[in-house]
N, C-alpha and C. Protein backbone atom coordinates (compact mmCIF):
# COMPACT_ATOMS: atom_id res chain seq x y z
N MET A 1 -2.60 -40.80 46.32
CA MET A 1 -2.60 -40.40 44.94
C MET A 1 -1.94 -39.03 44.84
N ARG A 2 -1.18 -38.91 43.80
CA ARG A 2 -0.42 -37.69 43.60
C ARG A 2 -0.96 -36.92 42.39
N PHE A 3 -1.04 -35.61 42.55
CA PHE A 3 -1.55 -34.76 41.47
C PHE A 3 -0.43 -33.81 41.04
N GLU A 4 -0.08 -33.85 39.75
CA GLU A 4 0.98 -33.01 39.24
C GLU A 4 0.44 -32.11 38.13
N VAL A 5 0.89 -30.89 38.16
CA VAL A 5 0.55 -29.95 37.10
C VAL A 5 1.85 -29.62 36.36
N LYS A 6 1.85 -29.92 35.09
CA LYS A 6 3.05 -29.65 34.30
C LYS A 6 2.88 -28.32 33.59
N THR A 7 3.87 -27.53 33.72
CA THR A 7 3.88 -26.26 32.97
C THR A 7 4.89 -26.40 31.86
N ASP A 8 4.46 -26.07 30.70
CA ASP A 8 5.32 -26.22 29.53
C ASP A 8 6.02 -24.89 29.25
N GLN A 9 7.15 -24.70 29.88
CA GLN A 9 7.88 -23.46 29.72
C GLN A 9 8.56 -23.39 28.35
N ARG A 10 8.82 -24.52 27.77
CA ARG A 10 9.46 -24.54 26.46
C ARG A 10 8.52 -23.97 25.40
N ARG A 11 7.25 -24.29 25.49
CA ARG A 11 6.27 -23.77 24.54
C ARG A 11 6.14 -22.26 24.67
N PHE A 12 6.18 -21.76 25.88
CA PHE A 12 6.12 -20.33 26.15
C PHE A 12 7.33 -19.63 25.54
N PHE A 13 8.51 -20.21 25.68
CA PHE A 13 9.73 -19.65 25.12
C PHE A 13 9.68 -19.66 23.59
N ASP A 14 9.21 -20.74 22.99
CA ASP A 14 9.11 -20.83 21.53
C ASP A 14 8.16 -19.78 20.97
N TYR A 15 7.05 -19.56 21.65
CA TYR A 15 6.07 -18.58 21.21
C TYR A 15 6.68 -17.18 21.18
N PHE A 16 7.36 -16.79 22.23
CA PHE A 16 7.95 -15.46 22.27
C PHE A 16 9.17 -15.34 21.37
N SER A 17 9.88 -16.42 21.14
CA SER A 17 11.01 -16.35 20.21
C SER A 17 10.51 -16.15 18.77
N GLU A 18 9.37 -16.74 18.42
CA GLU A 18 8.80 -16.53 17.10
C GLU A 18 8.32 -15.10 16.93
N ILE A 19 7.70 -14.54 17.97
CA ILE A 19 7.26 -13.15 17.91
C ILE A 19 8.46 -12.23 17.77
N TYR A 20 9.51 -12.52 18.52
CA TYR A 20 10.73 -11.72 18.45
C TYR A 20 11.35 -11.80 17.05
N LEU A 21 11.37 -12.98 16.45
CA LEU A 21 11.94 -13.17 15.12
C LEU A 21 11.14 -12.41 14.06
N VAL A 22 9.83 -12.49 14.13
CA VAL A 22 8.99 -11.77 13.17
C VAL A 22 9.18 -10.27 13.32
N THR A 23 9.24 -9.79 14.54
CA THR A 23 9.46 -8.36 14.78
C THR A 23 10.82 -7.92 14.25
N LEU A 24 11.82 -8.71 14.45
CA LEU A 24 13.17 -8.40 13.98
C LEU A 24 13.22 -8.37 12.45
N ILE A 25 12.60 -9.34 11.81
CA ILE A 25 12.57 -9.37 10.34
C ILE A 25 11.81 -8.16 9.80
N PHE A 26 10.70 -7.82 10.43
CA PHE A 26 9.93 -6.66 10.01
C PHE A 26 10.75 -5.37 10.17
N PHE A 27 11.45 -5.24 11.28
CA PHE A 27 12.28 -4.06 11.52
C PHE A 27 13.36 -3.92 10.45
N PHE A 28 14.08 -5.00 10.16
CA PHE A 28 15.13 -4.93 9.15
C PHE A 28 14.55 -4.73 7.75
N GLY A 29 13.36 -5.25 7.50
CA GLY A 29 12.70 -5.00 6.21
C GLY A 29 12.39 -3.52 6.03
N VAL A 30 11.83 -2.90 7.05
CA VAL A 30 11.53 -1.47 6.99
C VAL A 30 12.81 -0.66 6.87
N LEU A 31 13.83 -1.04 7.60
CA LEU A 31 15.12 -0.34 7.53
C LEU A 31 15.73 -0.45 6.13
N PHE A 32 15.68 -1.62 5.53
CA PHE A 32 16.21 -1.83 4.18
C PHE A 32 15.42 -1.01 3.16
N PHE A 33 14.10 -1.00 3.28
CA PHE A 33 13.25 -0.25 2.37
C PHE A 33 13.54 1.25 2.47
N ASN A 34 13.73 1.75 3.69
CA ASN A 34 14.07 3.15 3.89
C ASN A 34 15.42 3.48 3.28
N LEU A 35 16.38 2.59 3.41
CA LEU A 35 17.70 2.78 2.82
C LEU A 35 17.62 2.83 1.30
N VAL A 36 16.83 1.96 0.71
CA VAL A 36 16.68 1.94 -0.75
C VAL A 36 16.06 3.25 -1.24
N LEU A 37 15.04 3.74 -0.55
CA LEU A 37 14.42 5.00 -0.95
C LEU A 37 15.39 6.17 -0.81
N SER A 38 16.18 6.17 0.24
CA SER A 38 17.16 7.24 0.43
C SER A 38 18.23 7.21 -0.66
N LEU A 39 18.71 6.03 -1.00
CA LEU A 39 19.70 5.92 -2.07
C LEU A 39 19.13 6.34 -3.42
N GLN A 40 17.86 6.07 -3.63
CA GLN A 40 17.22 6.48 -4.88
C GLN A 40 17.15 8.00 -4.98
N LYS A 41 16.82 8.67 -3.87
CA LYS A 41 16.77 10.13 -3.87
C LYS A 41 18.15 10.73 -4.10
N ILE A 42 19.15 10.17 -3.44
CA ILE A 42 20.52 10.66 -3.60
C ILE A 42 21.00 10.46 -5.04
N SER A 43 20.72 9.31 -5.60
CA SER A 43 21.13 9.01 -6.96
C SER A 43 20.46 9.95 -7.95
N ARG A 44 19.17 10.19 -7.76
CA ARG A 44 18.45 11.09 -8.66
C ARG A 44 18.99 12.51 -8.56
N TYR A 45 19.31 12.95 -7.36
CA TYR A 45 19.86 14.29 -7.18
C TYR A 45 21.20 14.42 -7.90
N HIS A 46 22.08 13.45 -7.73
CA HIS A 46 23.40 13.53 -8.36
C HIS A 46 23.30 13.41 -9.88
N GLU A 47 22.38 12.60 -10.37
CA GLU A 47 22.21 12.49 -11.82
C GLU A 47 21.66 13.79 -12.39
N THR A 48 20.72 14.41 -11.70
CA THR A 48 20.17 15.69 -12.13
C THR A 48 21.26 16.76 -12.14
N ASN A 49 22.03 16.80 -11.09
CA ASN A 49 23.12 17.78 -11.00
C ASN A 49 24.14 17.56 -12.12
N TYR A 50 24.49 16.33 -12.38
CA TYR A 50 25.46 16.01 -13.43
C TYR A 50 24.94 16.41 -14.81
N LEU A 51 23.67 16.08 -15.09
CA LEU A 51 23.12 16.42 -16.41
C LEU A 51 22.97 17.93 -16.58
N CYS A 52 22.65 18.64 -15.50
CA CYS A 52 22.58 20.10 -15.59
C CYS A 52 23.95 20.69 -15.89
N ASN A 53 24.97 20.16 -15.26
CA ASN A 53 26.32 20.63 -15.57
C ASN A 53 26.70 20.34 -17.01
N LEU A 54 26.27 19.18 -17.52
CA LEU A 54 26.53 18.86 -18.92
C LEU A 54 25.80 19.81 -19.85
N ILE A 55 24.56 20.13 -19.51
CA ILE A 55 23.77 21.03 -20.36
C ILE A 55 24.38 22.43 -20.38
N LEU A 56 24.88 22.87 -19.23
CA LEU A 56 25.49 24.20 -19.19
C LEU A 56 26.76 24.27 -20.04
N VAL A 57 27.45 23.14 -20.18
CA VAL A 57 28.68 23.11 -20.98
C VAL A 57 28.36 22.78 -22.43
N GLU A 58 27.58 21.72 -22.61
CA GLU A 58 27.28 21.24 -23.96
C GLU A 58 25.76 21.11 -24.09
N LYS A 59 25.18 21.88 -24.97
CA LYS A 59 23.72 21.90 -25.11
C LYS A 59 23.27 20.80 -26.09
N SER A 60 23.41 19.56 -25.68
CA SER A 60 23.05 18.42 -26.51
C SER A 60 21.58 18.07 -26.31
N SER A 61 20.92 17.66 -27.37
CA SER A 61 19.50 17.30 -27.26
C SER A 61 19.31 16.02 -26.46
N ASP A 62 20.31 15.12 -26.49
CA ASP A 62 20.22 13.90 -25.68
C ASP A 62 20.23 14.24 -24.19
N ASN A 63 21.06 15.19 -23.80
CA ASN A 63 21.09 15.59 -22.40
C ASN A 63 19.77 16.23 -21.98
N PHE A 64 19.18 17.03 -22.88
CA PHE A 64 17.87 17.62 -22.58
C PHE A 64 16.81 16.54 -22.40
N LYS A 65 16.86 15.52 -23.26
CA LYS A 65 15.87 14.44 -23.17
C LYS A 65 16.03 13.65 -21.86
N LYS A 66 17.27 13.33 -21.50
CA LYS A 66 17.51 12.57 -20.27
C LYS A 66 17.07 13.35 -19.05
N LEU A 67 17.44 14.63 -19.00
CA LEU A 67 17.06 15.45 -17.86
C LEU A 67 15.56 15.72 -17.85
N GLY A 68 14.97 15.88 -19.02
CA GLY A 68 13.52 16.07 -19.11
C GLY A 68 12.76 14.88 -18.56
N ARG A 69 13.27 13.68 -18.79
CA ARG A 69 12.64 12.48 -18.23
C ARG A 69 12.74 12.44 -16.71
N ILE A 70 13.87 12.88 -16.20
CA ILE A 70 14.08 12.83 -14.75
C ILE A 70 13.19 13.84 -14.03
N ILE A 71 13.12 15.06 -14.55
CA ILE A 71 12.36 16.10 -13.84
C ILE A 71 10.95 16.28 -14.39
N ASN A 72 10.55 15.44 -15.33
CA ASN A 72 9.20 15.45 -15.92
C ASN A 72 8.88 16.79 -16.57
N GLN A 73 9.77 17.26 -17.39
CA GLN A 73 9.56 18.49 -18.16
C GLN A 73 9.83 18.19 -19.63
N LYS A 74 9.03 18.79 -20.51
CA LYS A 74 9.24 18.60 -21.94
C LYS A 74 9.80 19.86 -22.60
N ASP A 75 9.52 21.00 -22.03
CA ASP A 75 9.94 22.27 -22.62
C ASP A 75 11.41 22.53 -22.33
N LYS A 76 12.18 22.80 -23.39
CA LYS A 76 13.62 23.02 -23.22
C LYS A 76 13.90 24.28 -22.40
N GLN A 77 13.05 25.28 -22.53
CA GLN A 77 13.26 26.52 -21.78
C GLN A 77 13.10 26.28 -20.28
N LYS A 78 12.11 25.46 -19.90
CA LYS A 78 11.91 25.15 -18.49
C LYS A 78 13.08 24.32 -17.94
N ILE A 79 13.59 23.41 -18.76
CA ILE A 79 14.75 22.61 -18.35
C ILE A 79 15.96 23.52 -18.19
N TRP A 80 16.13 24.44 -19.13
CA TRP A 80 17.25 25.38 -19.08
C TRP A 80 17.15 26.25 -17.82
N ASP A 81 15.95 26.75 -17.51
CA ASP A 81 15.76 27.56 -16.30
C ASP A 81 16.02 26.75 -15.03
N PHE A 82 15.61 25.51 -15.05
CA PHE A 82 15.85 24.61 -13.90
C PHE A 82 17.35 24.43 -13.66
N CYS A 83 18.09 24.24 -14.74
CA CYS A 83 19.54 24.05 -14.60
C CYS A 83 20.23 25.32 -14.13
N LYS A 84 19.77 26.47 -14.60
CA LYS A 84 20.34 27.72 -14.13
C LYS A 84 20.06 27.92 -12.65
N LEU A 85 18.88 27.52 -12.21
CA LEU A 85 18.52 27.64 -10.80
C LEU A 85 19.40 26.72 -9.94
N ILE A 86 19.65 25.52 -10.41
CA ILE A 86 20.46 24.56 -9.64
C ILE A 86 21.92 25.00 -9.61
N SER A 87 22.42 25.56 -10.69
CA SER A 87 23.85 25.87 -10.77
C SER A 87 24.25 27.09 -9.94
N ARG A 88 23.30 27.81 -9.40
CA ARG A 88 23.63 28.99 -8.58
C ARG A 88 24.31 28.63 -7.31
């Protein structure tokens, strides 16, 4: 009588390939999320800089409102001081 022990190496490979795939997807998800946050910061900085330059040239109430929403300020004097600080 013969006794054989079968080892299922294919199942072992499938298990680790699934772990590798999940880790890879998680890594790229975190990388994409970090990229989105970085682009949002860059975009906000450039929009703030652009609106401050507009306010220094043309003191429009629409520009004050837009910039006030971005930097969370309601007082025009504080917005004006902020733009003077940035333009230095």
